[in-house]
Structure formats: C-alpha cells, structure tokens
Amino acid sequence: MTDPATQLYLISPLEVGGGFPQRLERALAAGKNLVTAFQFRVKDVDQHQAAALAAPLQAICAQYEVAFIVNDNVPLAKRLRADGVHLGQGDGDPAEARTELGREAQIGVTCHASKHLAMEAGEAGADYVAFGAFYPSTTKDKGDAERPDPALLEWWTTLFEIPCVAIGGITPENCAPLIAAGADFLAVSGSVWKDDEIQAVEAFAKAIRSG
C-alpha cells in the first residue's frame, strides 16, 4: 500500500496515564501507514515521572514503527533515547539539540506563521518545521500569535525540501485546505483524543484520501 502524501502526527493529551496506552495502540492500529509520528507532551512532572509515563507509549510506537518525539525537552529526549524532539521558539536551538541527541534524531521547530523563523530553523538543521495554529486550538496556548494562511504551506513546499507540519485545531472536517496546500503532516490532538480515537483516525484517513 502506498503511503499517503499527507500523514498524521499525533500529539498526546497531557494525561497519558491510566488507559491512555490502550487508546494510543488503537489509534496507531487504525492509522497504519497514516500515522508516522507521536509527540509525547506532559507538563508539571519530573524527569523520573515523565520517563515512567513514556515507557509504555514508546514501546507501542516502536511496535507500529511510529516515531516517538518528545515535546520541548531535550534532556528527556536524550534520557529516553527518543526518536527526536520538538522545540518551541523558547525551547532551545536546533543545532544544540542535534549535538545532544545525535545525527539520527528528528528535530522539529515551531515557526508559527513566520517564513523567517522557518528558514532560520532549516538553516539550523531542523528536520521539519511546524506552522500554526491554523484554526482555534485548546491543546496549546497560542496567545495572540498570527494565524497562518494555507498559502504559507504551499510557499514552503514549493521552495524547500524540509517537510512541513500543519498544527492547530485541525479536524477531519477542516483539514482539506491544508492537504491541498501541500502539508506533509497534520499534527492533531484534541480532535482524536476527545472522543473515539479509532473513528477520528479513520475520518482523517478518509479526508486525506479525498484530498
């Protein structure tokens, strides 16, 4: 089966204990050949707690050959030997993260709606750039950041080979313009975890096929 041109990048909810590992496994099983990355995102826990929460999720991702990316925390990514790290604008330099994590690590950078930040990230060695929030999102506080237009994705993919990720309030119902603009990945969280993860992933698959 040929992998779709646009793929899913799942972002965890903040609560990843309890029954969440089972939910993740169901989502990855439903999204085979579609979900290619999972971002582990926790707040207000120490490194030991975070590592304990990550362990079963990292094992599930390995089983499904899905990249396990740590959000905002290079030391934790190094401790876990994660596949990579995602950096916000205040979370460190991609080149320094590369030194810490090695040549094979996947390093992503949040670039909001900025062409300049994206080009800087690319020059610093980022493996992907993330633009957003394209739609209102309750997962991450975007403050008063400028909301990008899908044309930004088209501009990036026309000029650069580094993959781009669209993020922010993306649902199966509103993702079509982002797919049409050339997004390599749709980063999704609330639209998958708020209800039935299997139905949500299948709905995204249908939307991507239609796009």
N, C-alpha and C. Protein backbone atom coordinates (compact mmCIF):
# COMPACT_ATOMS: atom_id res chain seq x y z
N MET A 1 0.85 -1.21 0.00
CA MET A 1 0.00 0.00 0.00
C MET A 1 0.87 1.25 0.00
N THR A 2 0.58 2.20 -0.88
CA THR A 2 1.35 3.43 -0.96
C THR A 2 0.96 4.37 0.17
N ASP A 3 1.97 4.92 0.84
CA ASP A 3 1.69 5.86 1.92
C ASP A 3 1.09 7.14 1.35
N PRO A 4 0.12 7.74 2.06
CA PRO A 4 -0.48 8.98 1.57
C PRO A 4 0.52 10.13 1.60
N ALA A 5 0.31 11.12 0.72
CA ALA A 5 1.22 12.26 0.65
C ALA A 5 1.19 13.07 1.94
N THR A 6 0.02 13.18 2.56
CA THR A 6 -0.12 13.84 3.86
C THR A 6 -0.35 12.77 4.91
N GLN A 7 0.41 12.87 6.01
CA GLN A 7 0.31 11.86 7.06
C GLN A 7 -0.03 12.52 8.39
N LEU A 8 -0.39 11.70 9.37
CA LEU A 8 -0.79 12.21 10.67
C LEU A 8 0.36 12.18 11.67
N TYR A 9 0.43 13.23 12.45
CA TYR A 9 1.40 13.40 13.52
C TYR A 9 0.55 13.60 14.79
N LEU A 10 0.44 12.55 15.58
CA LEU A 10 -0.40 12.63 16.78
C LEU A 10 0.34 13.32 17.92
N ILE A 11 -0.37 14.18 18.62
CA ILE A 11 0.17 14.83 19.83
C ILE A 11 -0.64 14.34 21.02
N SER A 12 0.05 13.94 22.06
CA SER A 12 -0.65 13.37 23.22
C SER A 12 -1.42 14.44 23.97
N PRO A 13 -2.46 14.02 24.67
CA PRO A 13 -3.07 14.91 25.67
C PRO A 13 -2.11 15.01 26.84
N LEU A 14 -2.38 15.88 27.79
CA LEU A 14 -1.49 16.00 28.94
C LEU A 14 -1.63 14.80 29.88
N GLU A 15 -2.78 14.17 29.88
CA GLU A 15 -3.00 12.99 30.72
C GLU A 15 -2.70 11.74 29.91
N VAL A 16 -1.57 11.12 30.19
CA VAL A 16 -1.16 9.96 29.39
C VAL A 16 -1.02 8.69 30.23
N GLY A 17 -1.51 8.73 31.46
CA GLY A 17 -1.51 7.55 32.31
C GLY A 17 -2.80 6.76 32.13
N GLY A 18 -3.12 5.93 33.12
CA GLY A 18 -4.37 5.18 33.09
C GLY A 18 -4.51 4.34 31.84
N GLY A 19 -5.62 4.53 31.14
CA GLY A 19 -5.90 3.75 29.95
C GLY A 19 -5.38 4.35 28.67
N PHE A 20 -4.58 5.42 28.75
CA PHE A 20 -4.15 6.06 27.51
C PHE A 20 -3.28 5.16 26.64
N PRO A 21 -2.37 4.34 27.19
CA PRO A 21 -1.60 3.47 26.29
C PRO A 21 -2.49 2.61 25.38
N GLN A 22 -3.59 2.12 25.92
CA GLN A 22 -4.51 1.33 25.10
C GLN A 22 -5.16 2.18 24.01
N ARG A 23 -5.47 3.42 24.34
CA ARG A 23 -6.05 4.33 23.34
C ARG A 23 -5.03 4.61 22.23
N LEU A 24 -3.77 4.81 22.62
CA LEU A 24 -2.74 5.06 21.62
C LEU A 24 -2.59 3.86 20.69
N GLU A 25 -2.59 2.68 21.27
CA GLU A 25 -2.44 1.48 20.43
C GLU A 25 -3.60 1.35 19.45
N ARG A 26 -4.81 1.65 19.90
CA ARG A 26 -5.97 1.58 18.99
C ARG A 26 -5.84 2.61 17.86
N ALA A 27 -5.37 3.81 18.21
CA ALA A 27 -5.21 4.85 17.19
C ALA A 27 -4.15 4.46 16.17
N LEU A 28 -3.04 3.89 16.63
CA LEU A 28 -1.98 3.52 15.70
C LEU A 28 -2.39 2.34 14.83
N ALA A 29 -3.13 1.41 15.42
CA ALA A 29 -3.63 0.28 14.63
C ALA A 29 -4.58 0.76 13.55
N ALA A 30 -5.44 1.72 13.89
CA ALA A 30 -6.39 2.27 12.91
C ALA A 30 -5.69 3.11 11.86
N GLY A 31 -4.54 3.69 12.22
CA GLY A 31 -3.84 4.60 11.32
C GLY A 31 -2.59 4.02 10.71
N LYS A 32 -2.55 2.71 10.52
CA LYS A 32 -1.38 2.10 9.91
C LYS A 32 -1.15 2.70 8.53
N ASN A 33 0.11 3.06 8.24
CA ASN A 33 0.51 3.74 7.00
C ASN A 33 0.05 5.19 6.94
N LEU A 34 -0.61 5.66 7.98
CA LEU A 34 -1.08 7.05 8.01
C LEU A 34 -0.44 7.83 9.15
N VAL A 35 -0.41 7.23 10.35
CA VAL A 35 0.23 7.88 11.49
C VAL A 35 1.71 7.53 11.48
N THR A 36 2.56 8.54 11.39
CA THR A 36 4.00 8.27 11.31
C THR A 36 4.79 8.86 12.47
N ALA A 37 4.15 9.69 13.30
CA ALA A 37 4.86 10.27 14.44
C ALA A 37 3.88 10.50 15.60
N PHE A 38 4.42 10.42 16.81
CA PHE A 38 3.66 10.67 18.03
C PHE A 38 4.50 11.55 18.93
N GLN A 39 3.91 12.66 19.36
CA GLN A 39 4.61 13.58 20.25
C GLN A 39 4.14 13.40 21.69
N PHE A 40 5.09 13.11 22.54
CA PHE A 40 4.85 12.90 23.97
C PHE A 40 4.93 14.26 24.66
N ARG A 41 3.80 14.68 25.22
CA ARG A 41 3.70 16.03 25.80
C ARG A 41 3.11 15.93 27.19
N VAL A 42 3.93 16.22 28.20
CA VAL A 42 3.46 16.25 29.59
C VAL A 42 3.96 17.54 30.24
N LYS A 43 3.26 17.98 31.28
CA LYS A 43 3.64 19.19 32.00
C LYS A 43 3.64 18.91 33.49
N ASP A 44 4.49 19.64 34.20
CA ASP A 44 4.49 19.62 35.67
C ASP A 44 4.77 18.24 36.25
N VAL A 45 5.63 17.47 35.60
CA VAL A 45 6.10 16.20 36.16
C VAL A 45 7.62 16.20 36.04
N ASP A 46 8.29 15.51 36.98
CA ASP A 46 9.74 15.48 36.91
C ASP A 46 10.20 14.44 35.88
N GLN A 47 11.52 14.40 35.67
CA GLN A 47 12.07 13.52 34.64
C GLN A 47 11.75 12.05 34.92
N HIS A 48 11.81 11.67 36.18
CA HIS A 48 11.55 10.27 36.54
C HIS A 48 10.10 9.90 36.23
N GLN A 49 9.16 10.77 36.62
CA GLN A 49 7.75 10.51 36.34
C GLN A 49 7.48 10.49 34.84
N ALA A 50 8.09 11.45 34.14
CA ALA A 50 7.89 11.52 32.68
C ALA A 50 8.41 10.26 32.00
N ALA A 51 9.56 9.78 32.44
CA ALA A 51 10.13 8.58 31.85
C ALA A 51 9.24 7.37 32.09
N ALA A 52 8.65 7.29 33.28
CA ALA A 52 7.76 6.16 33.59
C ALA A 52 6.50 6.21 32.73
N LEU A 53 5.96 7.41 32.52
CA LEU A 53 4.78 7.57 31.68
C LEU A 53 5.09 7.27 30.22
N ALA A 54 6.31 7.63 29.81
CA ALA A 54 6.69 7.47 28.41
C ALA A 54 6.93 6.02 28.02
N ALA A 55 7.41 5.21 28.96
CA ALA A 55 7.88 3.86 28.62
C ALA A 55 6.87 3.02 27.84
N PRO A 56 5.63 2.86 28.32
CA PRO A 56 4.70 2.03 27.54
C PRO A 56 4.32 2.65 26.21
N LEU A 57 4.26 3.97 26.15
CA LEU A 57 3.89 4.66 24.91
C LEU A 57 5.01 4.51 23.88
N GLN A 58 6.24 4.62 24.34
CA GLN A 58 7.38 4.47 23.45
C GLN A 58 7.44 3.05 22.87
N ALA A 59 7.11 2.06 23.71
CA ALA A 59 7.11 0.67 23.24
C ALA A 59 6.03 0.45 22.18
N ILE A 60 4.87 1.05 22.39
CA ILE A 60 3.78 0.91 21.40
C ILE A 60 4.18 1.57 20.08
N CYS A 61 4.78 2.75 20.15
CA CYS A 61 5.23 3.42 18.93
C CYS A 61 6.25 2.58 18.18
N ALA A 62 7.17 1.96 18.92
CA ALA A 62 8.18 1.12 18.29
C ALA A 62 7.52 -0.06 17.59
N GLN A 63 6.50 -0.64 18.22
CA GLN A 63 5.79 -1.78 17.64
C GLN A 63 5.16 -1.42 16.30
N TYR A 64 4.65 -0.18 16.19
CA TYR A 64 3.97 0.26 14.97
C TYR A 64 4.88 1.08 14.05
N GLU A 65 6.16 1.14 14.38
CA GLU A 65 7.14 1.89 13.59
C GLU A 65 6.74 3.35 13.42
N VAL A 66 6.30 3.93 14.53
CA VAL A 66 5.91 5.33 14.59
C VAL A 66 6.98 6.08 15.39
N ALA A 67 7.46 7.20 14.86
CA ALA A 67 8.50 7.98 15.54
C ALA A 67 7.98 8.52 16.87
N PHE A 68 8.77 8.38 17.91
CA PHE A 68 8.41 8.86 19.24
C PHE A 68 9.17 10.15 19.49
N ILE A 69 8.45 11.27 19.51
CA ILE A 69 9.04 12.61 19.62
C ILE A 69 8.69 13.21 20.98
N VAL A 70 9.67 13.76 21.66
CA VAL A 70 9.44 14.41 22.95
C VAL A 70 9.23 15.90 22.74
N ASN A 71 8.23 16.45 23.40
CA ASN A 71 7.93 17.87 23.27
C ASN A 71 8.79 18.71 24.22
N ASP A 72 9.50 19.67 23.65
CA ASP A 72 10.14 20.76 24.41
C ASP A 72 11.24 20.36 25.39
N ASN A 73 11.71 19.13 25.40
CA ASN A 73 12.60 18.71 26.48
C ASN A 73 13.74 17.85 25.94
N VAL A 74 14.85 18.49 25.63
CA VAL A 74 15.99 17.77 25.07
C VAL A 74 16.58 16.78 26.07
N PRO A 75 16.77 17.15 27.36
CA PRO A 75 17.30 16.16 28.31
C PRO A 75 16.43 14.90 28.43
N LEU A 76 15.10 15.08 28.42
CA LEU A 76 14.21 13.92 28.50
C LEU A 76 14.33 13.09 27.23
N ALA A 77 14.38 13.74 26.09
CA ALA A 77 14.53 13.00 24.83
C ALA A 77 15.82 12.19 24.84
N LYS A 78 16.88 12.77 25.37
CA LYS A 78 18.16 12.05 25.45
C LYS A 78 18.06 10.88 26.41
N ARG A 79 17.44 11.10 27.56
CA ARG A 79 17.28 10.04 28.55
C ARG A 79 16.50 8.86 27.98
N LEU A 80 15.44 9.17 27.24
CA LEU A 80 14.58 8.12 26.69
C LEU A 80 15.14 7.49 25.41
N ARG A 81 16.18 8.11 24.87
CA ARG A 81 16.67 7.71 23.55
C ARG A 81 15.52 7.77 22.55
N ALA A 82 14.78 8.86 22.64
CA ALA A 82 13.63 9.07 21.77
C ALA A 82 14.09 9.26 20.33
N ASP A 83 13.15 9.15 19.42
CA ASP A 83 13.48 9.35 18.01
C ASP A 83 13.75 10.81 17.69
N GLY A 84 13.28 11.71 18.56
CA GLY A 84 13.52 13.11 18.29
C GLY A 84 12.90 14.01 19.34
N VAL A 85 12.97 15.31 19.05
CA VAL A 85 12.43 16.32 19.96
C VAL A 85 11.77 17.42 19.14
N HIS A 86 10.70 17.98 19.70
CA HIS A 86 10.06 19.13 19.07
C HIS A 86 10.32 20.36 19.93
N LEU A 87 10.83 21.42 19.32
CA LEU A 87 11.21 22.62 20.04
C LEU A 87 10.30 23.79 19.71
N GLY A 88 9.76 24.43 20.74
CA GLY A 88 9.10 25.71 20.56
C GLY A 88 10.17 26.78 20.41
N GLN A 89 9.75 28.01 20.15
CA GLN A 89 10.72 29.07 19.93
C GLN A 89 11.56 29.37 21.17
N GLY A 90 11.05 29.04 22.35
CA GLY A 90 11.82 29.31 23.57
C GLY A 90 12.43 28.07 24.19
N ASP A 91 12.51 26.98 23.42
CA ASP A 91 12.91 25.69 23.99
C ASP A 91 14.29 25.22 23.59
N GLY A 92 15.08 26.09 22.99
CA GLY A 92 16.44 25.70 22.65
C GLY A 92 16.73 25.78 21.16
N ASP A 93 18.00 25.66 20.85
CA ASP A 93 18.49 25.80 19.49
C ASP A 93 18.56 24.43 18.80
N PRO A 94 18.07 24.31 17.58
CA PRO A 94 18.11 23.03 16.89
C PRO A 94 19.52 22.46 16.74
N ALA A 95 20.49 23.34 16.51
CA ALA A 95 21.87 22.87 16.36
C ALA A 95 22.39 22.28 17.66
N GLU A 96 22.05 22.92 18.79
CA GLU A 96 22.48 22.39 20.09
C GLU A 96 21.76 21.08 20.40
N ALA A 97 20.48 20.99 20.04
CA ALA A 97 19.75 19.74 20.22
C ALA A 97 20.38 18.62 19.40
N ARG A 98 20.83 18.95 18.19
CA ARG A 98 21.48 17.96 17.34
C ARG A 98 22.75 17.43 18.01
N THR A 99 23.51 18.34 18.62
CA THR A 99 24.74 17.94 19.30
C THR A 99 24.42 16.98 20.45
N GLU A 100 23.33 17.27 21.17
CA GLU A 100 22.95 16.45 22.32
C GLU A 100 22.38 15.10 21.90
N LEU A 101 21.58 15.09 20.85
CA LEU A 101 20.80 13.90 20.51
C LEU A 101 21.39 13.07 19.38
N GLY A 102 22.31 13.63 18.62
CA GLY A 102 22.95 12.87 17.57
C GLY A 102 22.38 13.11 16.19
N ARG A 103 23.08 12.60 15.21
CA ARG A 103 22.74 12.87 13.81
C ARG A 103 21.41 12.27 13.39
N GLU A 104 21.01 11.16 14.02
CA GLU A 104 19.80 10.46 13.58
C GLU A 104 18.52 11.03 14.18
N ALA A 105 18.64 11.89 15.18
CA ALA A 105 17.45 12.44 15.85
C ALA A 105 16.64 13.31 14.89
N GLN A 106 15.33 13.23 15.03
CA GLN A 106 14.43 14.09 14.26
C GLN A 106 14.11 15.32 15.10
N ILE A 107 14.47 16.48 14.58
CA ILE A 107 14.30 17.72 15.33
C ILE A 107 13.32 18.62 14.58
N GLY A 108 12.23 18.96 15.27
CA GLY A 108 11.22 19.83 14.70
C GLY A 108 11.17 21.15 15.43
N VAL A 109 10.74 22.19 14.74
CA VAL A 109 10.71 23.53 15.32
C VAL A 109 9.38 24.21 15.00
N THR A 110 8.76 24.78 16.03
CA THR A 110 7.56 25.58 15.86
C THR A 110 7.92 26.92 15.22
N CYS A 111 7.25 27.27 14.13
CA CYS A 111 7.56 28.51 13.41
C CYS A 111 6.36 29.44 13.29
N HIS A 112 5.24 29.10 13.94
CA HIS A 112 4.04 29.93 13.95
C HIS A 112 3.60 30.26 12.51
N ALA A 113 3.56 31.56 12.16
CA ALA A 113 3.17 31.95 10.80
C ALA A 113 4.33 32.63 10.09
N SER A 114 5.56 32.33 10.53
CA SER A 114 6.73 33.10 10.10
C SER A 114 7.58 32.36 9.08
N LYS A 115 7.71 32.94 7.89
CA LYS A 115 8.65 32.42 6.90
C LYS A 115 10.08 32.55 7.41
N HIS A 116 10.36 33.65 8.07
CA HIS A 116 11.72 33.90 8.58
C HIS A 116 12.13 32.85 9.60
N LEU A 117 11.26 32.57 10.56
CA LEU A 117 11.58 31.56 11.57
C LEU A 117 11.77 30.18 10.94
N ALA A 118 10.97 29.88 9.94
CA ALA A 118 11.09 28.59 9.28
C ALA A 118 12.41 28.47 8.54
N MET A 119 12.81 29.52 7.85
CA MET A 119 14.08 29.47 7.14
C MET A 119 15.25 29.40 8.12
N GLU A 120 15.14 30.10 9.23
CA GLU A 120 16.18 30.00 10.26
C GLU A 120 16.27 28.59 10.80
N ALA A 121 15.13 27.96 11.06
CA ALA A 121 15.12 26.59 11.57
C ALA A 121 15.76 25.64 10.57
N GLY A 122 15.43 25.81 9.30
CA GLY A 122 16.03 24.97 8.28
C GLY A 122 17.54 25.13 8.22
N GLU A 123 17.99 26.36 8.31
CA GLU A 123 19.43 26.62 8.28
C GLU A 123 20.14 26.04 9.51
N ALA A 124 19.40 25.95 10.62
CA ALA A 124 19.97 25.41 11.86
C ALA A 124 19.94 23.88 11.90
N GLY A 125 19.37 23.27 10.86
CA GLY A 125 19.39 21.82 10.78
C GLY A 125 18.12 21.11 11.20
N ALA A 126 17.00 21.83 11.29
CA ALA A 126 15.74 21.18 11.66
C ALA A 126 15.33 20.17 10.60
N ASP A 127 14.72 19.08 11.04
CA ASP A 127 14.24 18.05 10.13
C ASP A 127 12.83 18.33 9.63
N TYR A 128 12.10 19.15 10.38
CA TYR A 128 10.79 19.60 9.91
C TYR A 128 10.46 20.92 10.59
N VAL A 129 9.59 21.69 9.96
CA VAL A 129 9.11 22.94 10.54
C VAL A 129 7.60 22.82 10.72
N ALA A 130 7.09 23.43 11.78
CA ALA A 130 5.66 23.37 12.09
C ALA A 130 5.05 24.75 12.02
N PHE A 131 4.00 24.89 11.24
CA PHE A 131 3.28 26.16 11.11
C PHE A 131 1.91 26.04 11.77
N GLY A 132 1.50 27.10 12.45
CA GLY A 132 0.18 27.11 13.07
C GLY A 132 0.13 28.09 14.23
N ALA A 133 -1.03 28.27 14.82
CA ALA A 133 -2.21 27.43 14.67
C ALA A 133 -3.08 27.92 13.51
N PHE A 134 -3.46 26.96 12.65
CA PHE A 134 -4.30 27.31 11.51
C PHE A 134 -5.75 27.56 11.93
N TYR A 135 -6.19 26.90 12.99
CA TYR A 135 -7.55 27.06 13.49
C TYR A 135 -7.48 27.22 15.01
N PRO A 136 -8.53 27.73 15.63
CA PRO A 136 -8.52 27.85 17.10
C PRO A 136 -8.24 26.51 17.75
N SER A 137 -7.36 26.52 18.75
CA SER A 137 -6.95 25.28 19.40
C SER A 137 -7.00 25.43 20.91
N THR A 138 -7.44 24.37 21.57
CA THR A 138 -7.44 24.37 23.03
C THR A 138 -6.30 23.52 23.58
N THR A 139 -5.53 22.87 22.70
CA THR A 139 -4.46 21.98 23.16
C THR A 139 -3.26 22.77 23.64
N LYS A 140 -2.86 23.76 22.87
CA LYS A 140 -1.72 24.58 23.25
C LYS A 140 -2.15 26.04 23.20
N ASP A 141 -1.65 26.82 24.15
CA ASP A 141 -1.98 28.23 24.20
C ASP A 141 -1.15 28.98 23.17
N LYS A 142 -1.81 29.45 22.13
CA LYS A 142 -1.11 30.17 21.08
C LYS A 142 -1.10 31.68 21.32
N GLY A 143 -1.72 32.13 22.40
CA GLY A 143 -1.72 33.55 22.70
C GLY A 143 -2.33 34.34 21.58
N ASP A 144 -1.71 35.46 21.24
CA ASP A 144 -2.20 36.30 20.17
C ASP A 144 -1.37 36.13 18.90
N ALA A 145 -0.74 34.98 18.76
CA ALA A 145 0.10 34.74 17.60
C ALA A 145 -0.71 34.84 16.31
N GLU A 146 -0.06 35.35 15.27
CA GLU A 146 -0.71 35.49 13.97
C GLU A 146 -1.12 34.12 13.45
N ARG A 147 -2.33 34.05 12.90
CA ARG A 147 -2.81 32.79 12.36
C ARG A 147 -2.37 32.68 10.89
N PRO A 148 -1.65 31.61 10.53
CA PRO A 148 -1.17 31.49 9.15
C PRO A 148 -2.28 31.14 8.18
N ASP A 149 -2.01 31.41 6.92
CA ASP A 149 -2.89 31.03 5.82
C ASP A 149 -2.34 29.77 5.18
N PRO A 150 -3.19 28.87 4.66
CA PRO A 150 -2.66 27.68 4.00
C PRO A 150 -1.66 27.98 2.89
N ALA A 151 -1.72 29.19 2.32
CA ALA A 151 -0.76 29.56 1.28
C ALA A 151 0.68 29.49 1.79
N LEU A 152 0.87 29.64 3.09
CA LEU A 152 2.21 29.52 3.67
C LEU A 152 2.78 28.13 3.44
N LEU A 153 1.94 27.12 3.57
CA LEU A 153 2.37 25.73 3.34
C LEU A 153 2.77 25.55 1.87
N GLU A 154 1.98 26.11 0.99
CA GLU A 154 2.26 25.98 -0.44
C GLU A 154 3.58 26.66 -0.79
N TRP A 155 3.80 27.84 -0.21
CA TRP A 155 5.07 28.56 -0.42
C TRP A 155 6.24 27.70 0.05
N TRP A 156 6.12 27.13 1.24
CA TRP A 156 7.23 26.35 1.80
C TRP A 156 7.52 25.12 0.95
N THR A 157 6.49 24.36 0.64
CA THR A 157 6.72 23.11 -0.08
C THR A 157 7.21 23.33 -1.51
N THR A 158 6.92 24.49 -2.07
CA THR A 158 7.40 24.81 -3.41
C THR A 158 8.89 25.11 -3.41
N LEU A 159 9.39 25.71 -2.33
CA LEU A 159 10.77 26.19 -2.30
C LEU A 159 11.74 25.30 -1.53
N PHE A 160 11.22 24.52 -0.57
CA PHE A 160 12.12 23.80 0.33
C PHE A 160 11.77 22.31 0.38
N GLU A 161 12.78 21.48 0.64
CA GLU A 161 12.56 20.04 0.73
C GLU A 161 12.26 19.59 2.14
N ILE A 162 12.57 20.41 3.15
CA ILE A 162 12.30 20.04 4.54
C ILE A 162 10.80 19.92 4.74
N PRO A 163 10.31 18.82 5.30
CA PRO A 163 8.86 18.65 5.49
C PRO A 163 8.25 19.72 6.38
N CYS A 164 6.97 19.99 6.16
CA CYS A 164 6.26 20.95 6.99
C CYS A 164 5.06 20.27 7.65
N VAL A 165 4.80 20.72 8.87
CA VAL A 165 3.71 20.20 9.69
C VAL A 165 2.70 21.33 9.90
N ALA A 166 1.44 21.05 9.66
CA ALA A 166 0.37 22.00 9.98
C ALA A 166 -0.21 21.61 11.33
N ILE A 167 -0.44 22.61 12.18
CA ILE A 167 -0.89 22.35 13.54
C ILE A 167 -1.95 23.36 13.96
N GLY A 168 -2.79 22.96 14.89
CA GLY A 168 -3.71 23.90 15.50
C GLY A 168 -5.16 23.72 15.12
N GLY A 169 -5.92 23.02 15.97
CA GLY A 169 -7.36 22.92 15.78
C GLY A 169 -7.79 22.15 14.55
N ILE A 170 -6.93 21.28 14.05
CA ILE A 170 -7.22 20.57 12.80
C ILE A 170 -8.15 19.39 13.06
N THR A 171 -9.19 19.29 12.24
CA THR A 171 -10.18 18.22 12.33
C THR A 171 -10.36 17.58 10.95
N PRO A 172 -11.02 16.42 10.90
CA PRO A 172 -11.30 15.85 9.57
C PRO A 172 -12.15 16.77 8.70
N GLU A 173 -12.94 17.62 9.33
CA GLU A 173 -13.84 18.50 8.59
C GLU A 173 -13.15 19.74 8.02
N ASN A 174 -12.04 20.17 8.63
CA ASN A 174 -11.42 21.43 8.16
C ASN A 174 -10.03 21.25 7.57
N CYS A 175 -9.57 20.01 7.41
CA CYS A 175 -8.18 19.80 7.00
C CYS A 175 -7.96 19.88 5.50
N ALA A 176 -9.02 19.87 4.70
CA ALA A 176 -8.85 19.81 3.25
C ALA A 176 -7.98 20.93 2.68
N PRO A 177 -8.13 22.21 3.10
CA PRO A 177 -7.27 23.26 2.54
C PRO A 177 -5.79 23.05 2.86
N LEU A 178 -5.50 22.45 4.00
CA LEU A 178 -4.11 22.21 4.40
C LEU A 178 -3.50 21.09 3.57
N ILE A 179 -4.29 20.06 3.30
CA ILE A 179 -3.84 18.97 2.44
C ILE A 179 -3.59 19.49 1.03
N ALA A 180 -4.54 20.29 0.52
CA ALA A 180 -4.41 20.84 -0.83
C ALA A 180 -3.20 21.75 -0.96
N ALA A 181 -2.84 22.42 0.14
CA ALA A 181 -1.70 23.34 0.12
C ALA A 181 -0.36 22.61 0.21
N GLY A 182 -0.40 21.31 0.50
CA GLY A 182 0.82 20.53 0.48
C GLY A 182 1.40 20.16 1.83
N ALA A 183 0.63 20.26 2.90
CA ALA A 183 1.15 19.88 4.22
C ALA A 183 1.64 18.43 4.18
N ASP A 184 2.87 18.23 4.65
CA ASP A 184 3.40 16.86 4.72
C ASP A 184 2.77 16.10 5.87
N PHE A 185 2.48 16.82 6.96
CA PHE A 185 1.89 16.20 8.15
C PHE A 185 0.81 17.11 8.72
N LEU A 186 -0.24 16.49 9.26
CA LEU A 186 -1.24 17.20 10.06
C LEU A 186 -1.01 16.79 11.50
N ALA A 187 -0.67 17.76 12.35
CA ALA A 187 -0.49 17.49 13.78
C ALA A 187 -1.84 17.64 14.46
N VAL A 188 -2.30 16.56 15.08
CA VAL A 188 -3.64 16.56 15.66
C VAL A 188 -3.61 16.00 17.07
N SER A 189 -4.47 16.54 17.91
CA SER A 189 -4.54 16.07 19.29
C SER A 189 -5.99 15.98 19.74
N GLY A 190 -6.60 17.13 20.07
CA GLY A 190 -7.95 17.14 20.62
C GLY A 190 -8.97 16.45 19.73
N SER A 191 -8.82 16.61 18.42
CA SER A 191 -9.80 16.01 17.51
C SER A 191 -9.73 14.49 17.51
N VAL A 192 -8.64 13.93 17.99
CA VAL A 192 -8.50 12.47 18.07
C VAL A 192 -8.87 11.96 19.45
N TRP A 193 -8.37 12.64 20.50
CA TRP A 193 -8.50 12.09 21.85
C TRP A 193 -9.77 12.49 22.57
N LYS A 194 -10.52 13.47 22.04
CA LYS A 194 -11.69 13.94 22.78
C LYS A 194 -12.83 12.93 22.78
N ASP A 195 -12.80 11.99 21.83
CA ASP A 195 -13.93 11.06 21.71
C ASP A 195 -13.41 9.68 21.37
N ASP A 196 -13.79 9.15 20.24
CA ASP A 196 -13.38 7.81 19.82
C ASP A 196 -12.19 7.93 18.88
N GLU A 197 -11.01 7.49 19.34
CA GLU A 197 -9.79 7.67 18.56
C GLU A 197 -9.80 6.87 17.26
N ILE A 198 -10.45 5.72 17.25
CA ILE A 198 -10.49 4.92 16.03
C ILE A 198 -11.32 5.63 14.96
N GLN A 199 -12.49 6.09 15.33
CA GLN A 199 -13.34 6.81 14.38
C GLN A 199 -12.66 8.07 13.88
N ALA A 200 -11.95 8.77 14.78
CA ALA A 200 -11.28 10.01 14.40
C ALA A 200 -10.17 9.75 13.38
N VAL A 201 -9.35 8.76 13.65
CA VAL A 201 -8.26 8.44 12.72
C VAL A 201 -8.82 7.98 11.38
N GLU A 202 -9.86 7.18 11.40
CA GLU A 202 -10.47 6.73 10.15
C GLU A 202 -11.08 7.90 9.38
N ALA A 203 -11.64 8.88 10.10
CA ALA A 203 -12.19 10.06 9.44
C ALA A 203 -11.08 10.90 8.80
N PHE A 204 -9.94 11.01 9.47
CA PHE A 204 -8.81 11.71 8.87
C PHE A 204 -8.32 10.97 7.62
N ALA A 205 -8.26 9.65 7.71
CA ALA A 205 -7.82 8.85 6.56
C ALA A 205 -8.72 9.12 5.35
N LYS A 206 -10.02 9.15 5.58
CA LYS A 206 -10.97 9.41 4.51
C LYS A 206 -10.78 10.80 3.93
N ALA A 207 -10.56 11.79 4.81
CA ALA A 207 -10.37 13.17 4.35
C ALA A 207 -9.09 13.30 3.52
N ILE A 208 -8.05 12.61 3.95
CA ILE A 208 -6.77 12.67 3.23
C ILE A 208 -6.89 11.98 1.87
N ARG A 209 -7.56 10.86 1.82
CA ARG A 209 -7.78 10.18 0.54
C ARG A 209 -8.59 11.06 -0.42
N SER A 210 -9.56 11.76 0.13
CA SER A 210 -10.41 12.62 -0.69
C SER A 210 -9.62 13.84 -1.20
N GLY A 211 -8.64 14.28 -0.37
CA GLY A 211 -7.87 15.45 -0.75
C GLY A 211 -6.89 15.17 -1.86
